[in-house]
N, C-alpha and C. Protein backbone atom coordinates (compact mmCIF):
# COMPACT_ATOMS: atom_id res chain seq x y z
N MET A 1 -146.57 -23.82 -44.30
CA MET A 1 -145.54 -24.52 -45.25
C MET A 1 -144.62 -24.80 -43.50
N ASP A 2 -144.58 -24.06 -43.07
CA ASP A 2 -143.61 -24.28 -41.78
C ASP A 2 -143.85 -25.47 -41.30
N LEU A 3 -145.11 -25.83 -40.92
CA LEU A 3 -146.00 -27.15 -40.35
C LEU A 3 -145.64 -27.80 -40.95
N ILE A 4 -145.49 -28.23 -41.84
CA ILE A 4 -144.86 -29.51 -43.15
C ILE A 4 -143.82 -29.37 -42.83
N GLU A 5 -142.66 -28.33 -43.30
CA GLU A 5 -141.51 -28.47 -42.69
C GLU A 5 -140.93 -28.98 -41.64
N SER A 6 -141.77 -28.51 -40.49
CA SER A 6 -140.94 -29.60 -38.58
C SER A 6 -142.33 -30.33 -38.51
N LEU A 7 -142.65 -30.88 -39.39
CA LEU A 7 -144.31 -31.97 -39.04
C LEU A 7 -143.25 -33.31 -37.95
N GLY A 8 -141.64 -33.23 -38.00
CA GLY A 8 -141.50 -34.69 -37.16
C GLY A 8 -141.20 -35.49 -38.28
N LYS A 9 -142.05 -35.99 -38.74
CA LYS A 9 -142.01 -37.09 -39.36
C LYS A 9 -141.37 -36.85 -41.24
N PRO A 10 -141.61 -37.55 -42.03
CA PRO A 10 -140.99 -37.16 -43.55
C PRO A 10 -142.60 -36.95 -44.12
N THR A 11 -141.92 -35.91 -45.06
CA THR A 11 -143.25 -35.70 -45.70
C THR A 11 -143.17 -35.87 -47.36
N ILE A 12 -143.38 -36.32 -47.97
CA ILE A 12 -143.37 -36.48 -49.48
C ILE A 12 -144.10 -36.27 -50.31
N ALA A 13 -143.73 -34.78 -51.33
CA ALA A 13 -144.20 -34.47 -52.74
C ALA A 13 -144.37 -35.24 -53.92
N ALA A 14 -145.57 -35.47 -54.43
CA ALA A 14 -145.52 -36.85 -55.34
C ALA A 14 -145.72 -35.22 -57.05
N VAL A 15 -144.79 -34.70 -57.18
CA VAL A 15 -145.77 -33.84 -58.43
C VAL A 15 -145.75 -34.40 -59.81
N ASN A 16 -147.18 -34.27 -60.34
CA ASN A 16 -147.42 -34.64 -61.51
C ASN A 16 -148.09 -33.59 -62.21
N GLY A 17 -147.49 -32.76 -63.00
CA GLY A 17 -147.98 -31.35 -64.10
C GLY A 17 -147.48 -30.19 -62.91
N PHE A 18 -147.99 -29.41 -62.79
CA PHE A 18 -147.78 -28.17 -62.60
C PHE A 18 -147.39 -27.69 -61.48
N ALA A 19 -146.14 -27.75 -61.10
CA ALA A 19 -146.27 -27.09 -59.56
C ALA A 19 -145.28 -25.74 -59.89
N LEU A 20 -146.64 -24.88 -59.42
CA LEU A 20 -146.20 -22.88 -59.43
C LEU A 20 -146.84 -22.21 -58.31
N GLY A 21 -145.97 -21.68 -58.27
CA GLY A 21 -146.13 -20.47 -57.35
C GLY A 21 -146.12 -21.26 -55.69
N GLY A 22 -148.11 -21.51 -55.28
CA GLY A 22 -147.83 -21.89 -54.22
C GLY A 22 -148.01 -23.42 -53.88
N GLY A 23 -147.64 -23.81 -55.24
CA GLY A 23 -147.63 -25.47 -55.08
C GLY A 23 -145.89 -25.65 -55.45
N CYS A 24 -145.38 -25.02 -55.95
CA CYS A 24 -143.93 -25.27 -56.00
C CYS A 24 -143.25 -25.38 -54.30
N GLU A 25 -144.00 -24.57 -53.51
CA GLU A 25 -143.30 -23.77 -52.58
C GLU A 25 -143.83 -24.80 -51.30
N THR A 26 -145.25 -25.53 -51.75
CA THR A 26 -145.34 -26.66 -50.93
C THR A 26 -144.43 -27.75 -50.91
N ALA A 27 -144.38 -28.10 -52.24
CA ALA A 27 -143.32 -28.97 -52.53
C ALA A 27 -142.15 -29.05 -51.68
N LEU A 28 -141.43 -27.72 -51.93
CA LEU A 28 -139.68 -27.09 -51.00
C LEU A 28 -140.23 -27.21 -49.38
N ALA A 29 -141.06 -27.35 -49.46
CA ALA A 29 -141.61 -27.61 -47.53
C ALA A 29 -141.20 -29.36 -47.25
N CYS A 30 -141.45 -30.02 -48.25
CA CYS A 30 -141.30 -31.26 -47.71
C CYS A 30 -140.33 -31.70 -48.14
N THR A 31 -139.81 -32.85 -47.46
CA THR A 31 -138.64 -33.29 -47.03
C THR A 31 -137.99 -33.85 -48.23
N VAL A 32 -138.78 -34.81 -48.91
CA VAL A 32 -138.61 -35.42 -50.32
C VAL A 32 -139.43 -35.02 -50.93
N ARG A 33 -138.80 -35.07 -52.44
CA ARG A 33 -139.78 -33.91 -53.83
C ARG A 33 -139.68 -35.38 -54.69
N ILE A 34 -140.46 -36.03 -55.34
CA ILE A 34 -140.61 -36.87 -56.36
C ILE A 34 -141.58 -36.15 -57.45
N ALA A 35 -140.63 -35.88 -58.96
CA ALA A 35 -141.65 -35.56 -60.05
C ALA A 35 -141.96 -36.32 -60.98
N SER A 36 -142.92 -36.80 -61.45
CA SER A 36 -143.34 -37.07 -63.48
C SER A 36 -142.68 -36.73 -64.21
N GLU A 37 -142.20 -37.33 -64.94
CA GLU A 37 -141.49 -36.77 -66.00
C GLU A 37 -142.18 -35.31 -67.11
N ASN A 38 -143.42 -35.22 -66.93
CA ASN A 38 -143.87 -34.04 -67.30
C ASN A 38 -144.41 -33.43 -66.19
N ALA A 39 -143.80 -33.13 -64.91
CA ALA A 39 -144.12 -31.41 -64.20
C ALA A 39 -143.44 -30.71 -64.72
N ARG A 40 -143.55 -29.65 -63.89
CA ARG A 40 -142.56 -28.01 -64.27
C ARG A 40 -143.00 -27.50 -63.15
N PHE A 41 -142.38 -26.64 -62.87
CA PHE A 41 -141.63 -26.29 -61.80
C PHE A 41 -141.60 -24.91 -61.86
N GLY A 42 -141.81 -23.75 -60.94
CA GLY A 42 -141.85 -22.58 -61.01
C GLY A 42 -142.41 -21.30 -59.48
N LEU A 43 -141.95 -19.99 -60.16
CA LEU A 43 -142.98 -19.56 -59.11
C LEU A 43 -143.10 -17.75 -59.94
N PRO A 44 -144.19 -18.23 -60.66
CA PRO A 44 -144.46 -17.39 -61.95
C PRO A 44 -145.10 -15.91 -60.79
N GLU A 45 -145.65 -15.31 -59.73
CA GLU A 45 -145.86 -14.76 -59.24
C GLU A 45 -144.83 -13.59 -59.42
N VAL A 46 -143.82 -13.88 -59.13
CA VAL A 46 -142.78 -12.69 -59.53
C VAL A 46 -143.22 -11.52 -60.54
N LYS A 47 -143.80 -12.42 -61.54
CA LYS A 47 -144.36 -11.83 -63.20
C LYS A 47 -145.53 -11.00 -62.39
N LEU A 48 -146.30 -11.20 -62.28
CA LEU A 48 -147.02 -10.06 -60.98
C LEU A 48 -147.23 -8.90 -60.77
N GLY A 49 -145.75 -9.10 -59.94
CA GLY A 49 -145.10 -7.90 -59.29
C GLY A 49 -145.56 -8.25 -57.54
N ILE A 50 -145.61 -9.67 -57.41
CA ILE A 50 -145.33 -10.00 -55.66
C ILE A 50 -144.37 -11.52 -55.20
N ILE A 51 -144.18 -11.27 -54.31
CA ILE A 51 -142.69 -11.96 -54.13
C ILE A 51 -143.54 -13.32 -53.57
N PRO A 52 -143.01 -15.51 -53.96
CA PRO A 52 -143.10 -16.25 -53.05
C PRO A 52 -143.33 -15.79 -51.84
N GLY A 53 -145.34 -15.96 -51.31
CA GLY A 53 -145.24 -15.63 -49.86
C GLY A 53 -145.13 -16.90 -49.20
N TYR A 54 -145.14 -17.71 -49.56
CA TYR A 54 -144.68 -19.25 -48.62
C TYR A 54 -143.46 -19.38 -47.94
N GLY A 55 -142.11 -18.86 -48.14
CA GLY A 55 -141.31 -19.22 -48.10
C GLY A 55 -140.26 -20.19 -48.86
N GLY A 56 -140.20 -19.93 -50.39
CA GLY A 56 -140.12 -20.21 -51.37
C GLY A 56 -138.76 -19.48 -51.66
N THR A 57 -138.40 -18.23 -51.12
CA THR A 57 -137.33 -17.24 -51.00
C THR A 57 -136.52 -17.82 -50.65
N GLN A 58 -136.60 -18.47 -48.90
CA GLN A 58 -135.79 -18.91 -48.36
C GLN A 58 -135.18 -20.38 -48.74
N ARG A 59 -136.27 -21.31 -48.75
CA ARG A 59 -136.16 -22.77 -48.77
C ARG A 59 -135.65 -23.48 -50.35
N LEU A 60 -135.56 -22.33 -51.45
CA LEU A 60 -135.30 -22.78 -52.88
C LEU A 60 -133.64 -22.56 -52.58
N PRO A 61 -133.18 -21.24 -52.53
CA PRO A 61 -131.82 -21.74 -52.06
C PRO A 61 -130.99 -22.18 -51.69
N ARG A 62 -131.66 -22.98 -50.14
CA ARG A 62 -131.00 -23.90 -50.09
C ARG A 62 -131.01 -25.48 -50.62
N LEU A 63 -131.97 -25.50 -51.20
CA LEU A 63 -131.85 -26.85 -52.39
C LEU A 63 -131.13 -26.49 -53.54
N VAL A 64 -131.09 -25.36 -54.21
CA VAL A 64 -130.47 -25.60 -55.53
C VAL A 64 -129.51 -24.56 -55.96
N GLY A 65 -129.09 -23.93 -54.06
CA GLY A 65 -127.90 -22.43 -54.50
C GLY A 65 -128.62 -21.92 -54.69
N LYS A 66 -127.91 -20.25 -54.39
CA LYS A 66 -128.42 -18.73 -54.67
C LYS A 66 -128.78 -18.58 -56.03
N GLY A 67 -127.01 -18.97 -56.74
CA GLY A 67 -127.78 -18.27 -58.07
C GLY A 67 -129.16 -19.04 -58.77
N ARG A 68 -128.89 -20.07 -58.93
CA ARG A 68 -129.99 -20.92 -59.88
C ARG A 68 -131.36 -20.34 -58.98
N ALA A 69 -131.68 -20.46 -57.48
CA ALA A 69 -132.59 -19.64 -56.80
C ALA A 69 -133.16 -18.30 -57.57
N LEU A 70 -131.71 -17.04 -57.88
CA LEU A 70 -132.00 -16.32 -57.92
C LEU A 70 -132.78 -16.34 -59.45
N GLN A 71 -132.32 -17.25 -60.40
CA GLN A 71 -132.41 -17.00 -61.66
C GLN A 71 -134.20 -17.45 -61.73
N MET A 72 -135.16 -18.43 -60.95
CA MET A 72 -135.81 -18.85 -60.85
C MET A 72 -136.52 -17.34 -60.20
N ILE A 73 -136.31 -17.18 -59.23
CA ILE A 73 -137.24 -16.16 -57.94
C ILE A 73 -137.54 -14.44 -59.26
N LEU A 74 -136.23 -14.52 -59.64
CA LEU A 74 -136.53 -13.27 -60.59
C LEU A 74 -136.93 -12.85 -61.94
N THR A 75 -136.84 -14.12 -62.58
CA THR A 75 -137.32 -14.00 -64.25
C THR A 75 -139.16 -14.72 -64.09
N GLY A 76 -138.91 -15.22 -62.76
CA GLY A 76 -140.26 -16.36 -62.99
C GLY A 76 -140.88 -17.68 -63.96
N GLU A 77 -139.41 -18.13 -64.45
CA GLU A 77 -139.82 -18.89 -65.19
C GLU A 77 -140.00 -20.18 -65.00
N MET A 78 -140.08 -21.17 -65.62
CA MET A 78 -141.06 -22.88 -65.34
C MET A 78 -139.49 -23.33 -65.80
N ILE A 79 -139.22 -24.37 -64.82
CA ILE A 79 -138.15 -25.44 -65.11
C ILE A 79 -139.03 -26.35 -65.33
N ASN A 80 -138.57 -27.46 -66.21
CA ASN A 80 -139.16 -29.19 -66.38
C ASN A 80 -138.94 -30.11 -65.58
N ALA A 81 -139.02 -31.02 -65.41
CA ALA A 81 -138.50 -31.91 -64.44
C ALA A 81 -137.31 -32.49 -64.36
N GLN A 82 -136.82 -32.39 -65.35
CA GLN A 82 -135.38 -33.35 -65.83
C GLN A 82 -133.99 -31.84 -65.83
N GLU A 83 -134.55 -30.63 -65.38
CA GLU A 83 -133.75 -29.54 -64.67
C GLU A 83 -134.17 -29.82 -63.56
N ALA A 84 -135.58 -29.53 -62.64
CA ALA A 84 -135.04 -29.18 -61.55
C ALA A 84 -134.73 -30.43 -60.79
N TYR A 85 -134.29 -31.77 -62.01
CA TYR A 85 -133.42 -33.29 -61.30
C TYR A 85 -132.09 -32.31 -60.76
N ARG A 86 -131.84 -31.81 -62.33
CA ARG A 86 -130.19 -31.67 -62.13
C ARG A 86 -129.95 -30.31 -61.17
N ILE A 87 -131.04 -29.26 -61.09
CA ILE A 87 -130.33 -28.74 -60.18
C ILE A 87 -130.76 -28.86 -58.95
N GLY A 88 -131.46 -30.16 -58.34
CA GLY A 88 -131.46 -30.23 -57.02
C GLY A 88 -133.09 -30.33 -56.41
N LEU A 89 -133.78 -29.55 -57.23
CA LEU A 89 -134.96 -29.25 -56.79
C LEU A 89 -136.09 -30.22 -56.27
N VAL A 90 -135.71 -31.78 -57.80
CA VAL A 90 -136.20 -32.83 -56.95
C VAL A 90 -135.17 -34.06 -56.35
N ASN A 91 -135.70 -34.88 -55.69
CA ASN A 91 -134.38 -36.37 -55.63
C ASN A 91 -134.77 -37.09 -56.99
N GLU A 92 -136.20 -37.06 -57.74
CA GLU A 92 -136.27 -38.51 -58.43
C GLU A 92 -136.62 -37.90 -59.59
N VAL A 93 -137.14 -38.18 -60.84
CA VAL A 93 -138.27 -37.95 -62.24
C VAL A 93 -138.09 -39.64 -62.34
N VAL A 94 -139.62 -40.16 -62.36
CA VAL A 94 -140.04 -41.51 -62.60
C VAL A 94 -141.17 -40.58 -63.50
N PRO A 95 -141.55 -42.42 -64.54
CA PRO A 95 -142.56 -41.96 -65.19
C PRO A 95 -143.83 -41.65 -64.36
N ALA A 96 -144.39 -41.25 -65.15
CA ALA A 96 -146.44 -40.51 -64.81
C ALA A 96 -146.59 -42.01 -64.14
N PRO A 97 -146.60 -43.24 -64.76
CA PRO A 97 -147.22 -44.51 -63.84
C PRO A 97 -146.83 -44.80 -62.94
N GLU A 98 -145.92 -44.49 -63.01
CA GLU A 98 -145.64 -44.48 -61.38
C GLU A 98 -144.91 -44.05 -60.16
N LEU A 99 -145.42 -42.82 -60.54
CA LEU A 99 -145.20 -41.44 -59.39
C LEU A 99 -145.97 -42.08 -58.63
N ILE A 100 -147.51 -42.42 -58.23
CA ILE A 100 -148.09 -42.92 -57.30
C ILE A 100 -147.45 -43.85 -56.04
N SER A 101 -146.49 -44.63 -56.94
CA SER A 101 -146.32 -45.94 -56.13
C SER A 101 -145.03 -45.84 -55.64
N ARG A 102 -143.98 -45.02 -56.19
CA ARG A 102 -142.93 -44.86 -55.64
C ARG A 102 -142.51 -44.44 -54.60
N PRO A 103 -143.31 -43.15 -53.82
CA PRO A 103 -142.98 -43.16 -52.59
C PRO A 103 -143.87 -44.06 -51.94
N LYS A 104 -144.32 -45.07 -51.77
CA LYS A 104 -145.05 -45.87 -51.06
C LYS A 104 -143.24 -46.64 -50.47
N ARG A 105 -142.43 -46.38 -51.54
CA ARG A 105 -140.93 -47.73 -50.76
C ARG A 105 -140.53 -46.56 -50.10
N PHE A 106 -140.69 -45.71 -49.61
CA PHE A 106 -139.72 -44.89 -48.62
C PHE A 106 -140.30 -45.29 -47.35
């Protein structure tokens, strides 16, 4: 994840569906995150007694603030794309058919 974050070129995560655990942490390492309307985000590994292992505990608070990050990390609950946009986890929410074409505009 550090390699993605420090690549030196912008990286764009286009999320369609579930981005849980490592998938969410991969998106967090990207420069820009775009989600379809049916995307879901979360760090459910805490429900198994383990912590997010790919930098989620560091990157998530930087994006959404300490309180929101702790809520997601400690509960392991999923949030939908609109909530992810509202708290600053994703930059944009688009209809699913536009998800692949939207990053091409960057």
